[in-house]
Protein backbone atom coordinates (compact mmCIF):
# COMPACT_ATOMS: atom_id res chain seq x y z
CA MET A 1 0.00 0.00 0.00
CA SER A 2 1.31 3.41 -0.90
CA PHE A 3 1.14 6.14 1.71
CA CYS A 4 -0.01 8.81 -0.76
CA PRO A 5 -3.64 9.73 -0.22
CA PRO A 6 -5.78 10.21 -3.35
CA ILE A 7 -6.09 13.63 -4.95
CA HIS A 8 -9.59 13.98 -3.49
CA SER A 9 -8.10 13.96 0.00
CA HIS A 10 -5.64 16.69 -0.96
CA ASN A 11 -8.45 18.84 -2.35
CA THR A 12 -10.52 18.32 0.79
CA LEU A 13 -7.55 19.22 2.96
CA LEU A 14 -6.80 22.37 0.95
CA LEU A 15 -10.46 23.39 1.08
CA PHE A 16 -10.44 22.91 4.83
CA VAL A 17 -7.33 25.11 5.17
CA PHE A 18 -8.86 27.69 2.82
CA TYR A 19 -12.11 27.94 4.77
CA THR A 20 -10.21 28.02 8.06
CA LEU A 21 -8.21 30.98 6.75
CA ILE A 22 -11.41 32.78 5.74
CA ILE A 23 -13.03 32.15 9.13
CA ILE A 24 -9.97 33.32 11.06
CA HIS A 25 -9.60 36.35 8.77
CA LYS A 26 -13.23 37.35 9.39
CA ALA A 27 -12.80 36.75 13.11
CA ASN A 28 -9.72 38.99 13.13
CA LYS A 29 -11.78 41.82 11.65
CA TYR A 30 -13.90 41.81 14.81
CA LEU A 31 -11.42 40.51 17.37
CA TYR A 32 -8.09 42.32 17.16
CA PHE A 33 -6.12 40.11 19.52
CA SER A 34 -2.99 38.00 18.94
CA THR A 35 -3.20 38.54 15.19
CA ASN A 36 0.51 37.95 14.66
CA ILE A 37 0.44 34.75 16.67
CA MET A 38 -2.53 33.47 14.67
CA GLN A 39 -0.88 34.37 11.36
CA ASN A 40 2.34 32.63 12.36
CA THR A 41 0.38 29.58 13.42
CA ILE A 42 -1.51 29.53 10.12
CA LEU A 43 1.73 29.84 8.15
CA ASN A 44 3.27 26.98 10.11
CA VAL A 45 0.19 24.82 9.55
CA ILE A 46 0.23 25.54 5.81
CA LYS A 47 3.94 24.66 5.65
CA GLU A 48 3.27 21.39 7.47
CA VAL A 49 0.36 20.60 5.15
CA TYR A 50 2.38 21.16 1.98
CA ILE A 51 5.38 19.26 3.36
CA SER A 52 3.13 16.31 4.20
CA ILE A 53 1.61 16.43 0.69
């Protein structure tokens, strides 16, 4: 068995990340706290996602 998930899984994962970014971005418009920390966390998560893909 290969460890590579099918393309559908990648698309689902990227959609999840995309919607998470939108939600956090909208939340940041109303809640101006720890924006830099959240952005750094998001960047790290995206790096991990693309490395794992």
